[in-house]
């Protein structure tokens, strides 16, 4: 699937991120594939998934486009940090490769613009740039990323920590970039998803608020404290 076909398929729609870390009860490719099926039945236009096993299982379960990433490590640049990680995701069947495009140093020392170019040339996959600032988004777009998202806003030293979505950054990206901007990051409600589209987002990614019951439960529990 090329970038134009993917973008046409998700325009104005919901992308569901189906991920569970190793310490979560729902961790496992079979469970995530069923989660993706539930998302499809609910109306999702695409799936975002982590790791070759999950990507492969989801591609076998549903006929939706899959944005693949590969989290390695637990700090710094860990979303598809190397070309080798991207290659594993592509081999598993990912239609789009998502990667950390922040200005932080990469474990292999390869500049992100060179990594994007190599993914395009050798893996023949469009790239989805996860960024934390407008400068990073502009650099990723200039390097050829098919789409950018403020996924990492609040998770780097260069971006402000906040509880909800970074709508300010989203709006600035939409205004400054010609390439489509996908809304992603701490979108907890349908109202927030709708606002993202109203601000000009091409599509909206929602993950934890749909597919991580431990996190959903914790938010309810916290809201009931001291009542």
N, C-alpha and C. Protein backbone atom coordinates (compact mmCIF):
# COMPACT_ATOMS: atom_id res chain seq x y z
N UNK A 1 0.85 -1.20 0.00
CA UNK A 1 0.00 0.00 0.00
C UNK A 1 0.88 1.24 0.00
N UNK A 2 0.61 2.17 -0.93
CA UNK A 2 1.40 3.39 -0.95
C UNK A 2 0.77 4.44 -0.03
N UNK A 3 1.48 5.54 0.14
CA UNK A 3 1.03 6.57 1.07
C UNK A 3 -0.31 7.15 0.66
N UNK A 4 -0.51 7.41 -0.63
CA UNK A 4 -1.76 8.01 -1.09
C UNK A 4 -2.96 7.12 -0.79
N UNK A 5 -2.80 5.81 -1.01
CA UNK A 5 -3.89 4.87 -0.76
C UNK A 5 -4.22 4.83 0.73
N UNK A 6 -3.18 4.80 1.55
CA UNK A 6 -3.41 4.77 3.00
C UNK A 6 -4.11 6.04 3.46
N UNK A 7 -3.62 7.18 3.03
CA UNK A 7 -4.19 8.45 3.46
C UNK A 7 -5.64 8.59 3.00
N UNK A 8 -5.94 8.10 1.82
CA UNK A 8 -7.32 8.13 1.35
C UNK A 8 -8.22 7.26 2.21
N UNK A 9 -7.67 6.13 2.68
CA UNK A 9 -8.46 5.19 3.48
C UNK A 9 -8.78 5.71 4.87
N UNK A 10 -7.93 6.58 5.41
CA UNK A 10 -8.11 7.02 6.79
C UNK A 10 -8.58 8.45 6.92
N UNK A 11 -8.77 9.15 5.82
CA UNK A 11 -9.15 10.56 5.87
C UNK A 11 -10.39 10.79 6.73
N UNK A 12 -10.24 11.60 7.78
CA UNK A 12 -11.36 11.95 8.65
C UNK A 12 -11.84 10.81 9.53
N UNK A 13 -11.02 9.77 9.67
CA UNK A 13 -11.48 8.58 10.39
C UNK A 13 -10.61 8.24 11.60
N UNK A 14 -10.98 7.16 12.27
CA UNK A 14 -10.30 6.73 13.49
C UNK A 14 -9.32 5.60 13.20
N UNK A 15 -8.12 5.76 13.72
CA UNK A 15 -7.11 4.70 13.71
C UNK A 15 -6.97 4.23 15.15
N UNK A 16 -7.05 2.94 15.38
CA UNK A 16 -6.96 2.42 16.75
C UNK A 16 -5.59 1.78 16.98
N UNK A 17 -4.94 2.22 18.04
CA UNK A 17 -3.65 1.67 18.42
C UNK A 17 -3.87 0.49 19.35
N UNK A 18 -3.50 -0.70 18.88
CA UNK A 18 -3.67 -1.94 19.66
C UNK A 18 -2.30 -2.37 20.18
N UNK A 19 -2.00 -1.99 21.41
CA UNK A 19 -0.71 -2.30 21.99
C UNK A 19 -0.89 -2.69 23.45
N UNK A 20 -0.07 -3.64 23.89
CA UNK A 20 -0.02 -4.01 25.30
C UNK A 20 1.42 -4.38 25.63
N UNK A 21 1.95 -3.75 26.67
CA UNK A 21 3.33 -4.02 27.06
C UNK A 21 3.44 -5.36 27.78
N UNK A 22 4.67 -5.83 27.96
CA UNK A 22 4.89 -7.16 28.52
C UNK A 22 4.31 -7.32 29.92
N UNK A 23 4.20 -6.23 30.67
CA UNK A 23 3.69 -6.33 32.04
C UNK A 23 2.18 -6.16 32.12
N UNK A 24 1.50 -6.14 30.97
CA UNK A 24 0.06 -5.97 30.95
C UNK A 24 -0.64 -7.31 30.65
N UNK A 25 -1.79 -7.55 31.28
CA UNK A 25 -2.48 -8.83 31.11
C UNK A 25 -2.85 -9.15 29.66
N UNK A 26 -3.09 -8.15 28.84
CA UNK A 26 -3.49 -8.41 27.46
C UNK A 26 -2.32 -8.55 26.50
N UNK A 27 -1.11 -8.56 27.02
CA UNK A 27 0.06 -8.70 26.15
C UNK A 27 0.00 -10.02 25.38
N UNK A 28 0.32 -9.98 24.10
CA UNK A 28 0.32 -11.19 23.29
C UNK A 28 -0.33 -10.95 21.94
N UNK A 29 0.25 -11.55 20.91
CA UNK A 29 -0.20 -11.31 19.54
C UNK A 29 -1.64 -11.75 19.31
N UNK A 30 -2.03 -12.89 19.88
CA UNK A 30 -3.39 -13.39 19.67
C UNK A 30 -4.42 -12.43 20.24
N UNK A 31 -4.14 -11.90 21.44
CA UNK A 31 -5.07 -10.96 22.06
C UNK A 31 -5.14 -9.66 21.28
N UNK A 32 -3.99 -9.17 20.85
CA UNK A 32 -3.99 -7.92 20.09
C UNK A 32 -4.70 -8.08 18.74
N UNK A 33 -4.60 -9.24 18.14
CA UNK A 33 -5.31 -9.47 16.89
C UNK A 33 -6.82 -9.41 17.12
N UNK A 34 -7.28 -9.97 18.21
CA UNK A 34 -8.71 -9.91 18.53
C UNK A 34 -9.12 -8.48 18.86
N UNK A 35 -8.23 -7.74 19.51
CA UNK A 35 -8.52 -6.34 19.79
C UNK A 35 -8.66 -5.57 18.48
N UNK A 36 -7.80 -5.87 17.52
CA UNK A 36 -7.88 -5.21 16.22
C UNK A 36 -9.19 -5.56 15.51
N UNK A 37 -9.61 -6.81 15.63
CA UNK A 37 -10.88 -7.23 15.02
C UNK A 37 -12.04 -6.47 15.65
N UNK A 38 -12.01 -6.32 16.99
CA UNK A 38 -13.05 -5.56 17.65
C UNK A 38 -13.06 -4.11 17.18
N UNK A 39 -11.86 -3.55 17.00
CA UNK A 39 -11.76 -2.17 16.51
C UNK A 39 -12.33 -2.05 15.11
N UNK A 40 -12.04 -3.03 14.26
CA UNK A 40 -12.58 -3.00 12.90
C UNK A 40 -14.10 -3.05 12.93
N UNK A 41 -14.64 -3.96 13.72
CA UNK A 41 -16.10 -4.09 13.81
C UNK A 41 -16.72 -2.78 14.30
N UNK A 42 -15.99 -2.09 15.18
CA UNK A 42 -16.47 -0.81 15.69
C UNK A 42 -16.36 0.33 14.71
N UNK A 43 -15.63 0.13 13.63
CA UNK A 43 -15.54 1.16 12.61
C UNK A 43 -14.17 1.76 12.38
N UNK A 44 -13.13 1.22 13.01
CA UNK A 44 -11.78 1.74 12.81
C UNK A 44 -11.36 1.60 11.34
N UNK A 45 -10.61 2.59 10.85
CA UNK A 45 -10.16 2.57 9.46
C UNK A 45 -8.78 1.97 9.31
N UNK A 46 -8.02 1.89 10.40
CA UNK A 46 -6.66 1.33 10.36
C UNK A 46 -6.26 0.99 11.78
N UNK A 47 -5.16 0.25 11.88
CA UNK A 47 -4.65 -0.20 13.17
C UNK A 47 -3.19 0.24 13.31
N UNK A 48 -2.80 0.61 14.50
CA UNK A 48 -1.39 0.87 14.82
C UNK A 48 -0.96 -0.22 15.79
N UNK A 49 0.17 -0.88 15.51
CA UNK A 49 0.56 -2.04 16.30
C UNK A 49 2.07 -2.08 16.52
N UNK A 50 2.45 -2.72 17.62
CA UNK A 50 3.85 -2.77 18.03
C UNK A 50 4.42 -4.18 17.95
N UNK A 51 5.52 -4.31 17.25
CA UNK A 51 6.26 -5.57 17.23
C UNK A 51 5.86 -6.48 16.08
N UNK A 52 6.82 -7.25 15.55
CA UNK A 52 6.54 -8.13 14.41
C UNK A 52 5.45 -9.16 14.68
N UNK A 53 5.44 -9.73 15.87
CA UNK A 53 4.44 -10.77 16.16
C UNK A 53 3.03 -10.21 16.12
N UNK A 54 2.84 -9.05 16.74
CA UNK A 54 1.51 -8.44 16.76
C UNK A 54 1.10 -8.00 15.36
N UNK A 55 2.02 -7.39 14.64
CA UNK A 55 1.70 -6.93 13.28
C UNK A 55 1.28 -8.12 12.41
N UNK A 56 2.04 -9.19 12.48
CA UNK A 56 1.75 -10.37 11.66
C UNK A 56 0.37 -10.95 12.01
N UNK A 57 0.08 -11.07 13.30
CA UNK A 57 -1.20 -11.64 13.74
C UNK A 57 -2.37 -10.75 13.34
N UNK A 58 -2.19 -9.46 13.46
CA UNK A 58 -3.26 -8.52 13.11
C UNK A 58 -3.52 -8.54 11.60
N UNK A 59 -2.47 -8.59 10.80
CA UNK A 59 -2.65 -8.65 9.35
C UNK A 59 -3.39 -9.92 8.93
N UNK A 60 -3.22 -10.99 9.68
CA UNK A 60 -3.93 -12.23 9.38
C UNK A 60 -5.39 -12.17 9.82
N UNK A 61 -5.67 -11.33 10.83
CA UNK A 61 -7.01 -11.27 11.41
C UNK A 61 -7.92 -10.26 10.71
N UNK A 62 -7.38 -9.12 10.30
CA UNK A 62 -8.20 -8.07 9.71
C UNK A 62 -7.60 -7.57 8.40
N UNK A 63 -8.43 -7.03 7.55
CA UNK A 63 -7.97 -6.52 6.26
C UNK A 63 -7.86 -5.00 6.27
N UNK A 64 -7.42 -4.45 7.39
CA UNK A 64 -7.22 -3.01 7.51
C UNK A 64 -5.74 -2.68 7.34
N UNK A 65 -5.43 -1.46 6.91
CA UNK A 65 -4.02 -1.04 6.88
C UNK A 65 -3.44 -1.05 8.29
N UNK A 66 -2.17 -1.40 8.39
CA UNK A 66 -1.51 -1.45 9.70
C UNK A 66 -0.29 -0.54 9.70
N UNK A 67 -0.28 0.38 10.66
CA UNK A 67 0.90 1.19 10.94
C UNK A 67 1.73 0.39 11.93
N UNK A 68 2.92 -0.02 11.53
CA UNK A 68 3.75 -0.85 12.40
C UNK A 68 4.88 -0.06 13.02
N UNK A 69 5.18 -0.39 14.26
CA UNK A 69 6.33 0.16 14.95
C UNK A 69 6.96 -0.95 15.77
N UNK A 70 8.14 -0.69 16.28
CA UNK A 70 8.82 -1.72 17.08
C UNK A 70 9.50 -1.04 18.25
N UNK A 71 8.86 -1.13 19.42
CA UNK A 71 9.43 -0.52 20.61
C UNK A 71 10.57 -1.39 21.15
N UNK A 72 11.72 -0.76 21.31
CA UNK A 72 12.89 -1.46 21.83
C UNK A 72 13.53 -0.61 22.90
N UNK A 73 13.69 -1.18 24.10
CA UNK A 73 14.17 -0.40 25.23
C UNK A 73 13.02 0.30 25.93
N UNK A 74 13.32 1.12 26.90
CA UNK A 74 12.25 1.80 27.65
C UNK A 74 12.54 3.27 27.91
N UNK A 75 13.52 3.84 27.23
CA UNK A 75 13.80 5.26 27.41
C UNK A 75 14.46 5.80 26.14
N UNK A 76 14.48 7.14 26.04
CA UNK A 76 15.08 7.75 24.86
C UNK A 76 14.32 7.37 23.60
N UNK A 77 15.06 7.23 22.50
CA UNK A 77 14.45 6.84 21.23
C UNK A 77 14.21 5.33 21.25
N UNK A 78 12.97 4.91 21.44
CA UNK A 78 12.68 3.48 21.49
C UNK A 78 11.56 3.04 20.53
N UNK A 79 10.94 3.98 19.82
CA UNK A 79 9.94 3.62 18.82
C UNK A 79 10.64 3.43 17.48
N UNK A 80 10.79 2.19 17.06
CA UNK A 80 11.51 1.83 15.83
C UNK A 80 12.83 2.61 15.76
N UNK A 81 13.76 2.31 16.67
CA UNK A 81 14.96 3.13 16.79
C UNK A 81 16.02 2.91 15.71
N UNK A 82 15.94 1.80 14.98
CA UNK A 82 16.98 1.46 14.01
C UNK A 82 16.36 0.96 12.71
N UNK A 83 17.19 0.90 11.68
CA UNK A 83 16.73 0.35 10.40
C UNK A 83 16.39 -1.13 10.57
N UNK A 84 17.16 -1.86 11.36
CA UNK A 84 16.88 -3.28 11.57
C UNK A 84 15.49 -3.47 12.16
N UNK A 85 15.09 -2.61 13.09
CA UNK A 85 13.75 -2.70 13.68
C UNK A 85 12.69 -2.43 12.62
N UNK A 86 12.93 -1.43 11.78
CA UNK A 86 11.99 -1.11 10.71
C UNK A 86 11.87 -2.27 9.73
N UNK A 87 12.99 -2.92 9.43
CA UNK A 87 12.98 -4.03 8.48
C UNK A 87 12.15 -5.20 9.02
N UNK A 88 12.24 -5.47 10.32
CA UNK A 88 11.46 -6.56 10.91
C UNK A 88 9.97 -6.27 10.82
N UNK A 89 9.60 -5.02 11.05
CA UNK A 89 8.19 -4.63 10.98
C UNK A 89 7.67 -4.73 9.54
N UNK A 90 8.50 -4.30 8.60
CA UNK A 90 8.09 -4.39 7.20
C UNK A 90 7.92 -5.85 6.79
N UNK A 91 8.84 -6.70 7.19
CA UNK A 91 8.77 -8.12 6.84
C UNK A 91 7.53 -8.77 7.44
N UNK A 92 7.09 -8.28 8.59
CA UNK A 92 5.89 -8.82 9.24
C UNK A 92 4.61 -8.41 8.53
N UNK A 93 4.70 -7.40 7.65
CA UNK A 93 3.53 -7.02 6.87
C UNK A 93 3.00 -5.63 7.10
N UNK A 94 3.70 -4.80 7.89
CA UNK A 94 3.23 -3.44 8.13
C UNK A 94 3.14 -2.66 6.82
N UNK A 95 2.07 -1.91 6.68
CA UNK A 95 1.89 -1.09 5.49
C UNK A 95 2.62 0.24 5.60
N UNK A 96 2.71 0.76 6.81
CA UNK A 96 3.36 2.03 7.12
C UNK A 96 4.34 1.78 8.26
N UNK A 97 5.48 2.46 8.24
CA UNK A 97 6.45 2.31 9.33
C UNK A 97 6.43 3.58 10.17
N UNK A 98 6.08 3.45 11.45
CA UNK A 98 6.12 4.58 12.38
C UNK A 98 7.44 4.57 13.12
N UNK A 99 8.00 5.76 13.32
CA UNK A 99 9.28 5.83 14.02
C UNK A 99 9.41 7.16 14.75
N UNK A 100 10.23 7.14 15.79
CA UNK A 100 10.55 8.32 16.56
C UNK A 100 11.38 9.25 15.67
N UNK A 101 10.87 10.44 15.43
CA UNK A 101 11.60 11.43 14.62
C UNK A 101 11.94 12.66 15.45
N UNK A 102 12.16 12.47 16.75
CA UNK A 102 12.59 13.58 17.59
C UNK A 102 14.08 13.86 17.35
N UNK A 103 14.56 14.92 17.94
CA UNK A 103 15.95 15.31 17.76
C UNK A 103 16.89 14.59 18.73
N UNK A 104 16.36 13.68 19.52
CA UNK A 104 17.21 12.95 20.47
C UNK A 104 18.15 12.01 19.73
N UNK A 105 19.33 11.74 20.32
CA UNK A 105 20.28 10.84 19.66
C UNK A 105 19.72 9.43 19.51
N UNK A 106 19.97 8.83 18.35
CA UNK A 106 19.50 7.49 18.07
C UNK A 106 20.55 6.47 18.48
N UNK A 107 20.13 5.29 18.85
CA UNK A 107 21.10 4.28 19.33
C UNK A 107 22.14 3.88 18.30
N UNK A 108 21.79 3.95 17.01
CA UNK A 108 22.76 3.58 15.98
C UNK A 108 23.49 4.80 15.39
N UNK A 109 23.14 5.99 15.91
CA UNK A 109 23.80 7.20 15.46
C UNK A 109 23.37 7.69 14.09
N UNK A 110 22.44 7.00 13.45
CA UNK A 110 22.01 7.38 12.10
C UNK A 110 21.04 8.56 12.18
N UNK A 111 21.31 9.65 11.48
CA UNK A 111 20.36 10.77 11.47
C UNK A 111 19.00 10.32 10.97
N UNK A 112 17.95 10.88 11.55
CA UNK A 112 16.61 10.41 11.22
C UNK A 112 16.29 10.61 9.75
N UNK A 113 16.83 11.66 9.13
CA UNK A 113 16.56 11.88 7.70
C UNK A 113 17.13 10.75 6.87
N UNK A 114 18.29 10.23 7.27
CA UNK A 114 18.89 9.11 6.54
C UNK A 114 18.11 7.82 6.78
N UNK A 115 17.60 7.66 8.00
CA UNK A 115 16.80 6.47 8.29
C UNK A 115 15.52 6.47 7.46
N UNK A 116 14.84 7.60 7.40
CA UNK A 116 13.63 7.71 6.60
C UNK A 116 13.93 7.38 5.14
N UNK A 117 14.99 7.94 4.62
CA UNK A 117 15.36 7.70 3.23
C UNK A 117 15.65 6.22 2.99
N UNK A 118 16.34 5.58 3.92
CA UNK A 118 16.68 4.17 3.74
C UNK A 118 15.43 3.28 3.80
N UNK A 119 14.51 3.62 4.68
CA UNK A 119 13.26 2.87 4.75
C UNK A 119 12.51 2.97 3.42
N UNK A 120 12.48 4.16 2.87
CA UNK A 120 11.79 4.35 1.58
C UNK A 120 12.47 3.58 0.46
N UNK A 121 13.78 3.65 0.40
CA UNK A 121 14.51 3.03 -0.70
C UNK A 121 14.54 1.52 -0.61
N UNK A 122 14.81 1.00 0.58
CA UNK A 122 15.05 -0.43 0.72
C UNK A 122 13.80 -1.22 1.14
N UNK A 123 12.96 -0.63 1.93
CA UNK A 123 11.78 -1.36 2.41
C UNK A 123 10.52 -1.01 1.62
N UNK A 124 10.58 0.05 0.85
CA UNK A 124 9.44 0.47 0.01
C UNK A 124 8.18 0.69 0.84
N UNK A 125 8.35 1.31 1.99
CA UNK A 125 7.21 1.61 2.86
C UNK A 125 7.17 3.11 3.16
N UNK A 126 5.98 3.70 3.20
CA UNK A 126 5.86 5.09 3.65
C UNK A 126 6.17 5.18 5.15
N UNK A 127 6.54 6.36 5.61
CA UNK A 127 6.87 6.54 7.01
C UNK A 127 5.90 7.49 7.71
N UNK A 128 5.71 7.21 8.99
CA UNK A 128 4.82 7.94 9.89
C UNK A 128 5.73 8.49 10.99
N UNK A 129 5.89 9.82 11.03
CA UNK A 129 6.85 10.45 11.95
C UNK A 129 6.20 10.82 13.27
N UNK A 130 6.65 10.21 14.35
CA UNK A 130 6.24 10.58 15.70
C UNK A 130 7.18 11.68 16.19
N UNK A 131 6.63 12.85 16.51
CA UNK A 131 7.46 13.99 16.89
C UNK A 131 6.96 14.63 18.18
N UNK A 132 7.77 15.56 18.69
CA UNK A 132 7.38 16.27 19.91
C UNK A 132 7.38 17.78 19.74
N UNK A 133 7.89 18.27 18.61
CA UNK A 133 7.93 19.72 18.37
C UNK A 133 7.65 20.01 16.90
N UNK A 134 7.35 21.26 16.61
CA UNK A 134 7.11 21.67 15.23
C UNK A 134 8.38 21.53 14.40
N UNK A 135 9.53 21.90 14.96
CA UNK A 135 10.78 21.78 14.22
C UNK A 135 11.03 20.33 13.79
N UNK A 136 10.75 19.39 14.68
CA UNK A 136 10.93 17.98 14.35
C UNK A 136 9.98 17.56 13.25
N UNK A 137 8.75 18.05 13.32
CA UNK A 137 7.76 17.72 12.29
C UNK A 137 8.19 18.26 10.93
N UNK A 138 8.70 19.46 10.92
CA UNK A 138 9.14 20.06 9.66
C UNK A 138 10.34 19.31 9.09
N UNK A 139 11.25 18.90 9.96
CA UNK A 139 12.42 18.15 9.50
C UNK A 139 12.02 16.80 8.94
N UNK A 140 11.07 16.13 9.60
CA UNK A 140 10.62 14.82 9.13
C UNK A 140 9.91 14.95 7.79
N UNK A 141 9.07 15.97 7.66
CA UNK A 141 8.37 16.19 6.40
C UNK A 141 9.36 16.49 5.28
N UNK A 142 10.36 17.29 5.59
CA UNK A 142 11.37 17.61 4.59
C UNK A 142 12.16 16.38 4.17
N UNK A 143 12.29 15.43 5.10
CA UNK A 143 13.02 14.19 4.80
C UNK A 143 12.17 13.19 4.02
N UNK A 144 10.88 13.49 3.88
CA UNK A 144 10.02 12.64 3.07
C UNK A 144 8.98 11.84 3.82
N UNK A 145 8.83 12.06 5.12
CA UNK A 145 7.80 11.35 5.87
C UNK A 145 6.43 11.66 5.27
N UNK A 146 5.62 10.63 5.07
CA UNK A 146 4.32 10.82 4.43
C UNK A 146 3.32 11.50 5.33
N UNK A 147 3.54 11.39 6.64
CA UNK A 147 2.63 11.98 7.61
C UNK A 147 3.38 12.19 8.91
N UNK A 148 2.93 13.14 9.71
CA UNK A 148 3.55 13.40 11.00
C UNK A 148 2.47 13.43 12.07
N UNK A 149 2.88 13.21 13.32
CA UNK A 149 1.93 13.23 14.43
C UNK A 149 2.64 13.71 15.69
N UNK A 150 1.96 14.50 16.54
CA UNK A 150 2.57 14.98 17.78
C UNK A 150 2.55 13.93 18.89
N UNK A 151 2.77 12.70 18.52
CA UNK A 151 2.70 11.55 19.43
C UNK A 151 3.57 11.72 20.67
N UNK A 152 4.75 12.29 20.49
CA UNK A 152 5.74 12.34 21.57
C UNK A 152 5.78 13.67 22.29
N UNK A 153 4.84 14.55 22.00
CA UNK A 153 4.77 15.80 22.76
C UNK A 153 4.50 15.48 24.23
N UNK A 154 5.30 16.05 25.10
CA UNK A 154 5.16 15.78 26.52
C UNK A 154 6.07 14.69 27.03
N UNK A 155 6.78 14.04 26.11
CA UNK A 155 7.65 12.94 26.49
C UNK A 155 9.13 13.23 26.22
N UNK A 156 9.44 14.44 25.81
CA UNK A 156 10.82 14.83 25.58
C UNK A 156 11.10 16.12 26.35
N UNK A 157 12.37 16.43 26.52
CA UNK A 157 12.74 17.65 27.23
C UNK A 157 12.33 18.91 26.47
N UNK A 158 12.11 18.77 25.19
CA UNK A 158 11.78 19.93 24.35
C UNK A 158 10.29 20.21 24.26
N UNK A 159 9.47 19.42 24.95
CA UNK A 159 8.03 19.59 24.85
C UNK A 159 7.40 19.59 26.23
N UNK A 160 6.34 20.39 26.44
CA UNK A 160 5.74 20.51 27.77
C UNK A 160 4.91 19.29 28.14
N UNK A 161 5.07 18.83 29.37
CA UNK A 161 4.25 17.72 29.87
C UNK A 161 2.84 18.23 30.12
N UNK A 162 1.85 17.46 29.73
CA UNK A 162 0.46 17.83 29.97
C UNK A 162 -0.40 16.58 30.00
N UNK A 163 -1.55 16.69 30.63
CA UNK A 163 -2.41 15.52 30.81
C UNK A 163 -3.16 15.14 29.55
N UNK A 164 -3.59 16.13 28.79
CA UNK A 164 -4.39 15.86 27.61
C UNK A 164 -3.62 16.04 26.32
N UNK A 165 -4.29 16.02 25.19
CA UNK A 165 -3.64 16.18 23.89
C UNK A 165 -2.99 17.55 23.75
N UNK A 166 -1.93 17.62 22.98
CA UNK A 166 -1.28 18.89 22.70
C UNK A 166 -1.94 19.50 21.47
N UNK A 167 -3.11 20.09 21.68
CA UNK A 167 -3.85 20.67 20.57
C UNK A 167 -3.12 21.88 19.98
N UNK A 168 -2.37 22.60 20.80
CA UNK A 168 -1.63 23.75 20.28
C UNK A 168 -0.61 23.31 19.25
N UNK A 169 0.17 22.28 19.58
CA UNK A 169 1.16 21.79 18.62
C UNK A 169 0.48 21.22 17.39
N UNK A 170 -0.60 20.49 17.58
CA UNK A 170 -1.34 19.94 16.45
C UNK A 170 -1.75 21.04 15.48
N UNK A 171 -2.32 22.12 15.99
CA UNK A 171 -2.78 23.21 15.14
C UNK A 171 -1.61 23.87 14.41
N UNK A 172 -0.49 24.03 15.11
CA UNK A 172 0.69 24.64 14.48
C UNK A 172 1.25 23.75 13.38
N UNK A 173 1.23 22.45 13.60
CA UNK A 173 1.70 21.52 12.57
C UNK A 173 0.80 21.57 11.34
N UNK A 174 -0.50 21.58 11.56
CA UNK A 174 -1.45 21.63 10.44
C UNK A 174 -1.23 22.89 9.62
N UNK A 175 -1.00 24.00 10.30
CA UNK A 175 -0.80 25.28 9.60
C UNK A 175 0.51 25.31 8.83
N UNK A 176 1.55 24.70 9.39
CA UNK A 176 2.89 24.85 8.82
C UNK A 176 3.26 23.80 7.77
N UNK A 177 2.61 22.64 7.82
CA UNK A 177 3.04 21.53 6.97
C UNK A 177 2.08 21.28 5.81
N UNK A 178 2.64 20.90 4.68
CA UNK A 178 1.81 20.47 3.56
C UNK A 178 1.41 19.01 3.70
N UNK A 179 2.29 18.20 4.27
CA UNK A 179 2.00 16.78 4.46
C UNK A 179 0.93 16.61 5.54
N UNK A 180 0.08 15.59 5.42
CA UNK A 180 -0.98 15.37 6.40
C UNK A 180 -0.45 15.22 7.82
N UNK A 181 -1.21 15.75 8.77
CA UNK A 181 -0.89 15.64 10.19
C UNK A 181 -1.94 14.75 10.84
N UNK A 182 -1.48 13.72 11.51
CA UNK A 182 -2.37 12.79 12.21
C UNK A 182 -2.38 13.17 13.69
N UNK A 183 -3.54 13.24 14.30
CA UNK A 183 -3.63 13.54 15.72
C UNK A 183 -3.37 12.27 16.53
N UNK A 184 -2.43 12.35 17.43
CA UNK A 184 -2.14 11.20 18.30
C UNK A 184 -1.49 11.70 19.58
N UNK A 185 -1.85 11.06 20.68
CA UNK A 185 -1.24 11.37 21.96
C UNK A 185 -2.24 11.84 22.99
N UNK A 186 -2.56 10.96 23.95
CA UNK A 186 -3.40 11.28 25.11
C UNK A 186 -4.80 11.77 24.72
N UNK A 187 -5.35 11.22 23.65
CA UNK A 187 -6.73 11.52 23.29
C UNK A 187 -7.63 10.56 24.04
N UNK A 188 -8.36 11.09 25.01
CA UNK A 188 -9.10 10.24 25.96
C UNK A 188 -10.59 10.14 25.69
N UNK A 189 -11.13 11.00 24.83
CA UNK A 189 -12.59 11.02 24.66
C UNK A 189 -12.97 11.28 23.21
N UNK A 190 -14.20 10.90 22.85
CA UNK A 190 -14.70 11.21 21.51
C UNK A 190 -14.70 12.72 21.23
N UNK A 191 -14.98 13.53 22.25
CA UNK A 191 -14.99 14.98 22.06
C UNK A 191 -13.61 15.48 21.68
N UNK A 192 -12.57 14.94 22.31
CA UNK A 192 -11.21 15.35 21.97
C UNK A 192 -10.84 14.90 20.56
N UNK A 193 -11.28 13.71 20.19
CA UNK A 193 -11.01 13.23 18.83
C UNK A 193 -11.68 14.13 17.80
N UNK A 194 -12.90 14.53 18.07
CA UNK A 194 -13.62 15.41 17.15
C UNK A 194 -12.93 16.77 17.05
N UNK A 195 -12.48 17.28 18.18
CA UNK A 195 -11.79 18.57 18.17
C UNK A 195 -10.52 18.50 17.31
N UNK A 196 -9.82 17.37 17.39
CA UNK A 196 -8.61 17.21 16.59
C UNK A 196 -8.93 17.36 15.10
N UNK A 197 -10.01 16.74 14.64
CA UNK A 197 -10.40 16.89 13.25
C UNK A 197 -10.79 18.33 12.93
N UNK A 198 -11.47 18.97 13.85
CA UNK A 198 -11.88 20.37 13.63
C UNK A 198 -10.67 21.28 13.52
N UNK A 199 -9.55 20.90 14.16
CA UNK A 199 -8.32 21.69 14.07
C UNK A 199 -7.54 21.39 12.80
N UNK A 200 -8.01 20.43 12.02
CA UNK A 200 -7.38 20.16 10.74
C UNK A 200 -6.62 18.85 10.65
N UNK A 201 -6.69 18.03 11.69
CA UNK A 201 -6.01 16.74 11.62
C UNK A 201 -6.59 15.91 10.48
N UNK A 202 -5.72 15.15 9.83
CA UNK A 202 -6.15 14.30 8.71
C UNK A 202 -6.94 13.10 9.23
N UNK A 203 -6.49 12.54 10.34
CA UNK A 203 -7.14 11.40 10.99
C UNK A 203 -6.75 11.42 12.46
N UNK A 204 -7.34 10.53 13.24
CA UNK A 204 -7.08 10.52 14.68
C UNK A 204 -6.70 9.12 15.13
N UNK A 205 -5.62 9.04 15.91
CA UNK A 205 -5.21 7.77 16.52
C UNK A 205 -5.60 7.78 17.98
N UNK A 206 -6.30 6.74 18.42
CA UNK A 206 -6.62 6.58 19.84
C UNK A 206 -6.15 5.19 20.26
N UNK A 207 -5.46 5.13 21.39
CA UNK A 207 -4.95 3.86 21.86
C UNK A 207 -5.46 3.49 23.23
N UNK A 208 -4.82 4.02 24.26
CA UNK A 208 -5.11 3.60 25.64
C UNK A 208 -6.57 3.74 26.02
N UNK A 209 -7.24 4.78 25.54
CA UNK A 209 -8.64 5.02 25.91
C UNK A 209 -9.57 3.95 25.36
N UNK A 210 -9.09 3.15 24.40
CA UNK A 210 -9.91 2.09 23.81
C UNK A 210 -9.39 0.70 24.14
N UNK A 211 -8.08 0.52 24.12
CA UNK A 211 -7.53 -0.84 24.12
C UNK A 211 -6.71 -1.23 25.34
N UNK A 212 -6.65 -0.37 26.36
CA UNK A 212 -5.85 -0.72 27.53
C UNK A 212 -6.71 -0.63 28.78
N UNK A 213 -7.42 -1.72 29.14
CA UNK A 213 -8.34 -1.67 30.27
C UNK A 213 -7.69 -1.34 31.59
N UNK A 214 -6.43 -1.69 31.78
CA UNK A 214 -5.77 -1.35 33.03
C UNK A 214 -5.68 0.17 33.18
N UNK A 215 -5.32 0.84 32.10
CA UNK A 215 -5.21 2.29 32.13
C UNK A 215 -6.58 2.94 32.27
N UNK A 216 -7.57 2.41 31.57
CA UNK A 216 -8.93 2.94 31.66
C UNK A 216 -9.46 2.83 33.08
N UNK A 217 -9.26 1.65 33.69
CA UNK A 217 -9.70 1.43 35.05
C UNK A 217 -9.03 2.39 36.02
N UNK A 218 -7.72 2.56 35.85
CA UNK A 218 -6.97 3.44 36.75
C UNK A 218 -7.49 4.88 36.68
N UNK A 219 -7.89 5.32 35.50
CA UNK A 219 -8.42 6.69 35.37
C UNK A 219 -9.73 6.84 36.13
N UNK A 220 -10.59 5.82 36.06
CA UNK A 220 -11.82 5.85 36.83
C UNK A 220 -11.54 5.82 38.33
N UNK A 221 -10.65 4.96 38.75
CA UNK A 221 -10.31 4.84 40.18
C UNK A 221 -9.78 6.16 40.71
N UNK A 222 -8.90 6.80 39.93
CA UNK A 222 -8.32 8.07 40.37
C UNK A 222 -9.40 9.14 40.49
N UNK A 223 -10.38 9.12 39.60
CA UNK A 223 -11.44 10.10 39.64
C UNK A 223 -12.34 9.96 40.87
N UNK A 224 -12.38 8.75 41.45
CA UNK A 224 -13.24 8.49 42.61
C UNK A 224 -12.55 8.74 43.94
N UNK A 225 -11.25 8.95 43.91
CA UNK A 225 -10.50 9.17 45.16
C UNK A 225 -10.97 10.46 45.83
N UNK A 226 -11.19 10.36 47.13
CA UNK A 226 -11.57 11.52 47.98
C UNK A 226 -12.96 12.06 47.69
N UNK A 227 -13.78 11.30 46.98
CA UNK A 227 -15.16 11.76 46.77
C UNK A 227 -15.98 11.48 48.02
